Protein backbone atom coordinates (compact mmCIF):
# COMPACT_ATOMS: atom_id res chain seq x y z
CA MET A 1 61.58 -49.07 86.01
CA VAL A 2 59.01 -49.68 82.85
CA VAL A 3 57.34 -46.86 81.09
CA GLY A 4 54.91 -47.57 78.61
CA GLY A 5 53.60 -50.35 79.85
CA ALA A 6 55.50 -53.24 78.16
CA GLU A 7 59.27 -53.89 76.07
CA SER A 8 56.97 -54.50 72.91
CA LEU A 9 56.37 -50.80 72.82
CA LEU A 10 59.57 -49.76 73.46
CA ALA A 11 60.94 -52.21 69.97
CA GLU A 12 58.01 -51.09 68.29
CA ALA A 13 58.76 -47.41 68.51
CA MET A 14 62.53 -47.85 68.12
CA GLU A 15 61.66 -50.07 64.85
CA LYS A 16 59.36 -47.96 63.56
CA ASN A 17 61.53 -44.80 63.79
CA GLY A 18 64.93 -46.51 62.68
CA VAL A 19 66.28 -46.53 65.45
CA VAL A 20 66.72 -49.97 65.17
CA PRO A 21 69.00 -50.98 63.05
CA ASP A 22 70.58 -47.27 62.46
CA VAL A 23 71.93 -47.45 66.17
CA ILE A 24 71.13 -51.08 67.67
CA PRO A 25 70.32 -54.23 66.33
CA SER A 26 67.59 -54.87 68.49
CA ALA A 27 66.01 -52.99 71.45
CA PRO A 28 66.92 -53.33 74.73
CA PRO A 29 64.27 -54.98 77.72
CA GLU A 30 62.89 -51.89 79.21
CA ALA A 31 61.94 -47.89 78.81
CA LEU A 32 64.24 -45.81 80.45
CA GLU A 33 62.16 -42.93 82.67
CA ILE A 34 63.64 -39.75 81.30
CA THR A 35 62.54 -36.09 82.86
CA TYR A 36 63.76 -32.57 81.73
CA GLY A 37 61.58 -30.75 84.43
CA ALA A 38 57.88 -31.09 83.10
CA ALA A 39 59.15 -32.38 79.81
CA LYS A 40 59.13 -36.35 79.57
CA VAL A 41 60.79 -38.22 77.12
CA ASN A 42 58.55 -40.67 75.60
CA LEU A 43 59.17 -43.40 72.54
CA GLY A 44 59.92 -40.92 69.97
CA SER A 45 57.88 -37.99 71.18
CA GLU A 46 59.14 -34.34 69.62
CA LEU A 47 60.63 -31.96 72.36
CA THR A 48 62.12 -28.64 71.45
CA PRO A 49 66.38 -28.08 71.93
CA THR A 50 64.78 -25.24 74.15
CA GLU A 51 63.25 -28.07 76.08
CA VAL A 52 66.19 -30.25 76.53
CA LYS A 53 68.89 -27.92 76.91
CA ASP A 54 69.88 -29.04 80.45
CA VAL A 55 71.01 -32.11 82.03
CA PRO A 56 67.87 -34.80 82.93
CA GLU A 57 66.98 -36.87 85.05
CA VAL A 58 67.73 -40.54 84.02
CA LYS A 59 66.03 -43.64 86.00
CA TRP A 60 66.65 -47.41 85.68
CA ASP A 61 65.90 -50.75 87.56
CA ALA A 62 69.67 -50.96 88.31
CA ASP A 63 71.11 -53.72 90.14
CA ASP A 64 73.04 -53.30 93.83
CA GLY A 65 76.57 -53.21 93.22
CA ALA A 66 76.72 -53.00 89.58
CA TYR A 67 78.44 -50.14 87.27
CA TYR A 68 76.33 -48.66 83.70
CA VAL A 69 77.17 -46.65 81.15
CA LEU A 70 74.66 -44.10 79.92
CA CYS A 71 74.90 -42.63 76.50
CA MET A 72 72.62 -39.81 74.25
CA THR A 73 73.46 -39.96 70.71
CA ASP A 74 72.01 -38.47 67.53
CA PRO A 75 72.33 -40.86 64.13
CA ASP A 76 71.11 -38.13 61.97
CA ALA A 77 73.94 -35.66 62.00
CA PRO A 78 73.99 -33.56 60.28
CA SER A 79 70.67 -34.59 58.80
CA ARG A 80 68.89 -38.07 58.39
CA THR A 81 68.79 -37.41 54.91
CA GLU A 82 72.58 -37.43 54.75
CA PRO A 83 73.90 -38.84 57.98
CA LYS A 84 77.32 -38.03 57.36
CA ASN A 85 78.78 -37.45 60.54
CA ARG A 86 76.92 -40.66 62.44
CA GLU A 87 76.91 -40.65 65.15
CA TRP A 88 77.00 -37.60 67.02
CA ARG A 89 77.93 -38.63 70.78
CA HIS A 90 75.97 -36.03 73.03
CA TRP A 91 76.64 -37.65 76.36
CA LEU A 92 78.40 -40.56 77.85
CA VAL A 93 79.23 -41.42 81.81
CA GLY A 94 80.71 -45.05 82.58
CA ASN A 95 80.98 -46.04 85.73
CA ILE A 96 77.54 -45.08 87.13
CA PRO A 97 76.71 -46.85 90.68
CA GLY A 98 73.24 -48.12 90.68
CA ASN A 99 71.34 -45.51 88.75
CA LYS A 100 73.20 -42.90 90.36
CA VAL A 101 74.18 -40.96 86.83
CA GLU A 102 75.65 -37.90 88.85
CA GLN A 103 77.96 -40.51 90.80
CA GLY A 104 79.67 -41.77 87.64
CA GLU A 105 82.52 -40.82 84.91
CA THR A 106 81.68 -38.13 82.50
CA LEU A 107 83.23 -38.90 79.70
CA SER A 108 81.73 -36.47 77.14
CA ALA A 109 79.43 -33.63 79.19
CA TYR A 110 75.92 -33.10 78.27
CA VAL A 111 75.29 -31.35 75.26
CA GLY A 112 71.16 -30.83 74.43
CA SER A 113 70.07 -30.37 70.91
CA GLY A 114 71.46 -28.48 68.45
CA PRO A 115 70.10 -29.88 64.84
CA PRO A 116 70.83 -27.44 62.08
CA LYS A 117 68.42 -25.49 60.99
CA GLY A 118 66.16 -26.73 57.71
CA SER A 119 67.67 -30.86 58.86
CA GLY A 120 64.53 -31.93 59.95
CA LEU A 121 63.79 -33.77 62.74
CA HIS A 122 66.67 -35.92 64.65
CA ARG A 123 66.71 -38.86 66.62
CA TYR A 124 68.33 -38.39 70.18
CA VAL A 125 68.67 -42.05 71.31
CA PHE A 126 69.57 -42.73 75.26
CA LEU A 127 70.77 -46.25 75.76
CA VAL A 128 72.14 -48.10 79.39
CA TYR A 129 74.43 -50.68 79.41
CA LYS A 130 75.31 -53.27 82.21
CA GLN A 131 79.20 -53.28 82.73
CA PRO A 132 80.77 -56.35 83.37
CA SER A 133 82.90 -54.52 86.34
CA LYS A 134 84.20 -51.03 87.07
CA LEU A 135 86.11 -50.47 84.26
CA THR A 136 89.21 -48.05 82.85
CA PHE A 137 88.42 -45.42 79.99
CA ASP A 138 90.99 -44.51 77.60
CA GLU A 139 88.36 -42.26 76.06
CA PRO A 140 89.67 -38.62 75.71
CA ARG A 141 87.39 -36.41 78.46
CA VAL A 142 85.05 -34.39 76.12
CA SER A 143 83.55 -30.53 77.87
CA ASN A 144 80.36 -29.19 76.52
CA ARG A 145 82.15 -25.57 76.10
CA SER A 146 85.27 -23.73 75.52
CA PRO A 147 87.78 -24.57 78.69
CA ARG A 148 88.43 -20.59 78.94
CA LYS A 149 84.94 -20.15 80.28
CA SER A 150 85.19 -18.78 84.40
CA ILE A 151 82.98 -19.15 87.20
CA ARG A 152 82.67 -15.77 87.07
CA GLN A 153 81.83 -15.44 83.34
CA ALA A 154 79.02 -18.30 83.38
CA SER A 155 77.26 -16.22 86.60
CA VAL A 156 77.73 -13.16 84.76
CA GLN A 157 75.98 -14.96 81.82
CA LEU A 158 73.40 -16.64 83.52
CA ASN A 159 72.83 -13.95 86.01
CA ILE A 160 73.22 -16.70 89.15
CA PRO A 161 75.31 -16.50 92.20
CA PRO A 162 78.91 -17.70 91.79
CA THR A 163 78.51 -19.94 94.29
CA THR A 164 75.49 -21.38 92.67
CA VAL A 165 77.24 -21.95 89.66
CA HIS A 166 80.01 -23.89 91.46
CA THR A 167 78.05 -26.15 93.45
CA VAL A 168 76.24 -27.27 89.95
CA LEU A 169 79.90 -28.07 88.50
CA HIS A 170 81.39 -29.54 91.92
CA LYS A 171 78.13 -31.33 93.35
CA ARG A 172 76.07 -31.88 90.36
CA LEU A 173 78.43 -32.17 87.18
CA ARG A 174 81.66 -33.25 89.49
CA LEU A 175 83.82 -30.65 88.11
CA ARG A 176 86.60 -29.64 89.83
CA ALA A 177 87.57 -25.83 89.54
CA TYR A 178 91.22 -24.94 88.88
CA LYS A 179 93.18 -22.01 87.30
CA LEU A 180 94.65 -22.68 84.11
CA GLN A 181 98.48 -21.06 83.88
CA LEU A 182 99.69 -21.21 80.17
CA GLN A 183 103.45 -21.91 80.49
CA GLN A 184 105.24 -20.55 76.62
CA MET A 185 102.02 -19.36 75.69
CA ILE A 186 102.79 -18.69 71.25
CA THR A 187 101.15 -15.67 69.78
CA PRO A 188 100.53 -15.44 66.44
CA ASN A 189 103.18 -12.49 66.32
CA ASP A 190 105.62 -15.05 68.26
CA LYS A 191 104.80 -17.41 65.32
CA LEU A 192 105.92 -14.98 62.80
CA GLU A 193 108.79 -14.24 64.64
CA ARG A 194 110.12 -17.56 65.19
CA LYS A 195 109.67 -18.12 61.74
CA ARG A 196 111.91 -14.83 60.36
CA PHE A 197 114.67 -16.35 63.05
CA ALA A 198 114.93 -19.78 61.74
CA GLU A 199 115.07 -18.66 58.21
CA THR A 200 117.95 -16.09 59.33
CA MET A 201 119.62 -18.68 61.38
CA LEU A 202 119.51 -20.97 57.98
CA ASP A 203 120.53 -18.45 55.71
CA LYS A 204 123.63 -18.26 58.16
CA VAL A 205 124.17 -21.55 58.05
CA ASP A 206 124.15 -21.71 54.02
CA ASP A 207 126.40 -18.55 53.93
CA ASP A 208 129.08 -20.29 56.51
CA ASP A 209 129.25 -24.22 57.53
CA THR A 210 130.80 -23.41 60.85
CA PHE A 211 128.15 -20.41 61.87
CA LEU A 212 126.19 -23.43 64.41
CA THR A 213 129.76 -24.64 65.99
CA ARG A 214 130.52 -21.01 67.23
CA VAL A 215 127.09 -20.27 68.83
CA CYS A 216 127.21 -20.31 72.51
CA PHE A 217 123.90 -21.12 73.74
CA SER A 218 123.37 -19.95 77.33
CA ASP A 219 120.84 -20.30 80.26
CA GLU A 220 120.76 -20.09 84.02
CA ALA A 221 119.47 -22.15 86.68
CA THR A 222 119.52 -20.83 89.66
CA PHE A 223 118.46 -21.17 93.68
CA HIS A 224 117.97 -17.36 94.07
CA THR A 225 116.56 -14.61 92.04
CA VAL A 226 118.74 -13.24 88.96
CA THR A 227 118.25 -9.51 88.67
CA ALA A 228 119.97 -7.58 86.09
CA ASN A 229 123.22 -7.02 88.06
CA THR A 230 123.65 -10.37 89.38
CA TYR A 231 122.79 -11.84 85.68
CA LEU A 232 126.19 -9.15 84.51
CA ASP A 233 127.87 -10.67 87.23
CA MET A 234 127.58 -13.96 85.92
CA LEU A 235 128.54 -13.14 82.61
CA GLN A 236 131.79 -10.80 83.34
CA LEU A 237 133.22 -13.24 86.14
CA TYR A 238 132.33 -16.75 84.69
CA ALA A 239 130.66 -17.19 81.34
CA VAL A 240 132.26 -14.64 79.13
CA PRO A 241 136.19 -15.32 80.36
CA GLN A 242 135.85 -19.47 79.14
CA LEU A 243 133.99 -18.56 75.39
CA PRO A 244 136.63 -18.79 72.33
CA ASP A 245 137.30 -15.28 69.97
CA GLY A 246 134.97 -15.60 67.53
CA ALA A 247 131.93 -16.65 69.61
CA ILE A 248 128.28 -15.90 69.03
CA PHE A 249 126.79 -15.54 72.21
CA GLN A 250 123.01 -16.29 72.63
CA GLN A 251 120.68 -15.74 75.11
CA ASP A 252 116.57 -15.43 75.60
CA GLY A 253 114.73 -12.81 76.33
CA ALA A 254 114.43 -12.94 79.86
CA PRO A 255 113.94 -9.37 81.82
CA PRO A 256 117.79 -9.23 83.45
CA HIS A 257 119.14 -10.42 79.82
CA PHE A 258 117.02 -7.30 78.40
CA ALA A 259 118.43 -4.59 80.98
CA ASN A 260 120.60 -1.88 79.20
CA MET A 261 123.70 -2.42 81.16
CA VAL A 262 123.51 -6.57 79.77
CA ARG A 263 123.04 -5.26 76.09
CA THR A 264 125.91 -2.32 76.45
CA PHE A 265 128.29 -5.44 77.86
CA LEU A 266 127.17 -7.62 75.22
CA ASP A 267 127.49 -4.99 72.24
CA GLU A 268 131.23 -4.12 73.56
CA GLN A 269 132.19 -7.83 74.39
CA PHE A 270 130.40 -9.31 71.08
CA PRO A 271 130.04 -6.86 68.43
CA ALA A 272 127.54 -8.16 65.53
CA ARG A 273 128.09 -11.70 67.20
CA TRP A 274 125.37 -11.67 70.51
CA ILE A 275 121.85 -13.08 69.86
CA GLY A 276 118.93 -12.37 71.78
CA ARG A 277 116.06 -9.89 72.54
CA GLY A 278 117.33 -6.20 71.03
CA SER A 279 120.37 -7.38 69.65
CA PRO A 280 120.86 -5.60 66.66
CA TYR A 281 123.01 -8.81 65.15
CA ILE A 282 120.02 -11.56 65.36
CA THR A 283 117.05 -11.13 67.37
CA TRP A 284 116.17 -14.00 69.91
CA PRO A 285 112.07 -15.00 69.07
CA ALA A 286 109.76 -15.08 72.60
CA ARG A 287 108.83 -18.27 74.24
CA SER A 288 111.53 -20.50 72.21
CA PRO A 289 112.92 -22.75 74.75
CA ASP A 290 112.33 -25.66 72.08
CA LEU A 291 115.35 -24.15 70.05
CA THR A 292 118.02 -23.94 72.79
CA PRO A 293 120.14 -26.90 73.46
CA PRO A 294 120.11 -26.10 77.49
CA ASP A 295 115.89 -26.45 77.67
CA PHE A 296 115.56 -29.60 75.29
CA PHE A 297 118.63 -31.33 76.35
CA LEU A 298 120.66 -30.14 78.83
CA TRP A 299 118.65 -29.55 82.32
CA GLY A 300 116.58 -32.93 81.27
CA PHE A 301 120.14 -34.86 81.02
CA VAL A 302 121.49 -33.31 84.55
CA LYS A 303 118.55 -33.33 86.59
CA ASP A 304 117.99 -37.01 85.53
CA GLN A 305 121.58 -37.92 86.58
CA VAL A 306 121.70 -35.53 89.66
CA TYR A 307 118.09 -37.00 91.28
CA ARG A 308 118.32 -40.33 90.62
CA THR A 309 118.66 -41.23 94.04
CA PRO A 310 117.77 -38.83 96.94
CA VAL A 311 120.62 -36.12 97.82
CA ARG A 312 121.80 -35.90 100.59
CA ASP A 313 122.96 -32.55 101.16
CA LEU A 314 124.44 -29.21 99.57
CA ALA A 315 127.46 -30.40 99.20
CA ASP A 316 126.67 -33.80 97.60
CA LEU A 317 124.07 -31.58 95.20
CA GLN A 318 126.92 -30.04 93.65
CA GLU A 319 129.06 -32.84 93.37
CA ARG A 320 126.33 -34.36 91.34
CA ILE A 321 125.97 -31.39 89.35
CA TYR A 322 129.79 -31.72 88.17
CA ALA A 323 129.75 -35.14 87.69
CA ALA A 324 126.43 -34.86 85.76
CA VAL A 325 127.94 -32.13 83.63
CA ASN A 326 131.16 -33.82 82.88
CA ASN A 327 129.26 -37.15 81.76
CA VAL A 328 127.88 -34.69 78.73
CA THR A 329 129.90 -36.71 75.85
CA PRO A 330 131.24 -34.72 72.64
CA GLN A 331 128.93 -37.50 70.65
CA MET A 332 126.31 -36.09 72.83
CA LEU A 333 127.04 -32.56 71.88
CA HIS A 334 127.27 -33.12 68.20
CA ASN A 335 124.29 -34.32 68.25
CA THR A 336 122.52 -31.95 70.18
CA TRP A 337 123.73 -29.73 67.38
CA VAL A 338 122.67 -31.88 64.27
CA GLU A 339 119.38 -31.55 66.81
CA VAL A 340 119.37 -27.85 66.53
CA GLU A 341 119.82 -27.12 62.68
CA TYR A 342 116.90 -29.82 62.44
CA ARG A 343 114.54 -27.97 64.19
CA LEU A 344 115.18 -24.59 62.74
CA ASP A 345 115.26 -26.39 59.27
CA ILE A 346 111.72 -27.53 60.05
CA LEU A 347 110.13 -24.52 61.98
CA PRO A 348 109.08 -22.52 58.97
CA PRO A 349 106.90 -25.40 57.37
CA MET A 350 105.70 -26.32 60.77
CA GLU A 351 104.33 -23.25 61.58
CA ALA A 352 102.63 -22.95 58.09
CA MET A 353 101.11 -26.13 58.75
CA LEU A 354 99.94 -25.31 62.72
CA ARG A 355 98.65 -21.95 61.18
CA PHE A 356 96.52 -24.33 58.50
CA MET A 357 95.66 -26.85 61.36
CA GLU A 358 94.21 -23.85 63.55
CA HIS A 359 92.29 -22.47 60.84
CA LYS A 360 90.66 -25.96 59.68
CA PHE A 361 89.84 -27.46 63.03
CA ALA A 362 89.31 -24.38 65.56
CA LEU A 363 87.99 -25.12 68.95
CA ARG A 364 84.97 -26.82 69.41
CA SER A 365 83.52 -29.53 71.39
CA ALA A 366 81.89 -31.01 68.77
CA ASP A 367 85.26 -32.04 66.96
CA ASN A 368 85.32 -34.96 69.33
CA ARG A 369 82.23 -35.90 69.23
CA GLU A 370 81.28 -36.78 65.50
CA LYS A 371 81.29 -40.29 64.38
CA PHE A 372 80.95 -42.15 67.21
CA SER A 373 79.32 -45.65 67.62
CA ILE A 374 77.67 -46.79 70.88
CA LYS A 375 77.64 -49.92 69.51
CA LYS A 376 81.45 -50.17 68.65
CA PHE A 377 81.82 -48.38 72.02
CA ALA A 378 80.08 -51.27 73.87
CA GLU A 379 82.14 -54.24 71.86
CA LYS A 380 85.15 -52.51 72.87
CA TYR A 381 84.10 -52.69 76.62
CA ASN A 382 82.45 -55.95 76.48
CA LEU A 383 79.15 -54.31 77.64
CA GLY A 384 76.81 -56.53 75.36
CA SER A 385 73.51 -55.38 74.64
CA PRO A 386 71.90 -52.42 76.54
CA VAL A 387 69.45 -53.21 79.19
CA ALA A 388 67.26 -50.07 79.22
CA GLY A 389 66.62 -47.06 76.54
CA ASN A 390 64.05 -44.86 75.13
CA PHE A 391 64.51 -41.75 72.54
CA TYR A 392 62.69 -38.44 71.47
CA GLN A 393 62.82 -36.35 68.45
CA ALA A 394 63.58 -32.52 67.79
CA GLN A 395 64.57 -29.78 65.33
CA TRP A 396 65.55 -26.62 65.05
CA ASP A 397 64.62 -24.09 67.00
CA ASP A 398 65.58 -20.09 67.83
CA TYR A 399 68.03 -22.01 71.66
CA VAL A 400 70.28 -23.69 68.68
CA PRO A 401 72.42 -20.56 67.96
CA LYS A 402 73.42 -19.99 71.53
CA LEU A 403 73.73 -23.70 71.96
CA TYR A 404 76.43 -23.10 69.09
CA ALA A 405 78.11 -20.37 70.78
CA GLN A 406 78.79 -22.49 74.09
CA LEU A 407 80.56 -25.02 72.40
CA LYS A 408 83.00 -22.33 70.31
CA GLY A 409 83.30 -20.65 73.92
CA ASN A 410 81.73 -17.53 72.47
């Protein structure tokens, strides 16, 4: 669909405003029809961030059965005079059947204009490429807000019913609702405790070369609920009688392990020789399965052996478990204990580096959008030259701080 009359008008506007060659080497043959409600994009016309905050409607002449890529990019990040982050990817959708953008594959969710205050006019360039076929894109998918935002929160902030929010997400943006479940989420206090634990363990190793060899790391995998009583029975009847004199017993901080009866038993059996939650000797740090051999080695090894072929019945399962454990060699155990010491050794500097990274690279949608190049993207997927395009210009208004808050999840 050609707007503005002729190809020459689009080419003239893009060359006059530097879209050619800053973004593409030559103008496409067709001008896209882009509308934000009552506002229309027209060959470099000026719009406000407030006007373009929502996903626009984009139309072009599409071939039947063809797939297309749609991109919106800003070559003026953070400013046209100093575009050190050129380009900033505002919107990227691939595998669009015809011109049905809502049915395409969203690679980068739409973000409206957010030029920094005082940075002047920015150019926002829309381009459409015809794909050679339906493609598999390996780019990471980028949201336009914090993943912590829920439908309920959005409903409250937008003052619209939750069902409406869900309909927009599901039908318009083709996103699917899910409940985020965080397993072993490490808190700031956990990180400090992990660091202290590693330093304490390494001090013990320095004082006694045999220290780690005497540590008995424990864990349990059962087919029924473990209570404090059943866990204590396991310790008294099975685990502890098999341990050599001088062994140092380790357990994690699971609720049954923290029961008074269990800790009392461990204090009696291993005076000043057990590691765990509430231990007077060495406290086990919460959420640290990466430090225990059963978690980072044994269970994976056993399950790989046991479930290599379908299990016939319970007796077969039991036999396979025994066989898998018997396949653990002395050399494998030696390597595992070397790995334990290595993990303890790197944990303090690793935690410090992670704190620095978290501070420097806070979760922002912007982190995955800067220094994009639509030209290189097109070359990567053999898209050729764009078949349609258009652009508008915008500068800061009072909506921009709200957009930044959205990207940061505030």
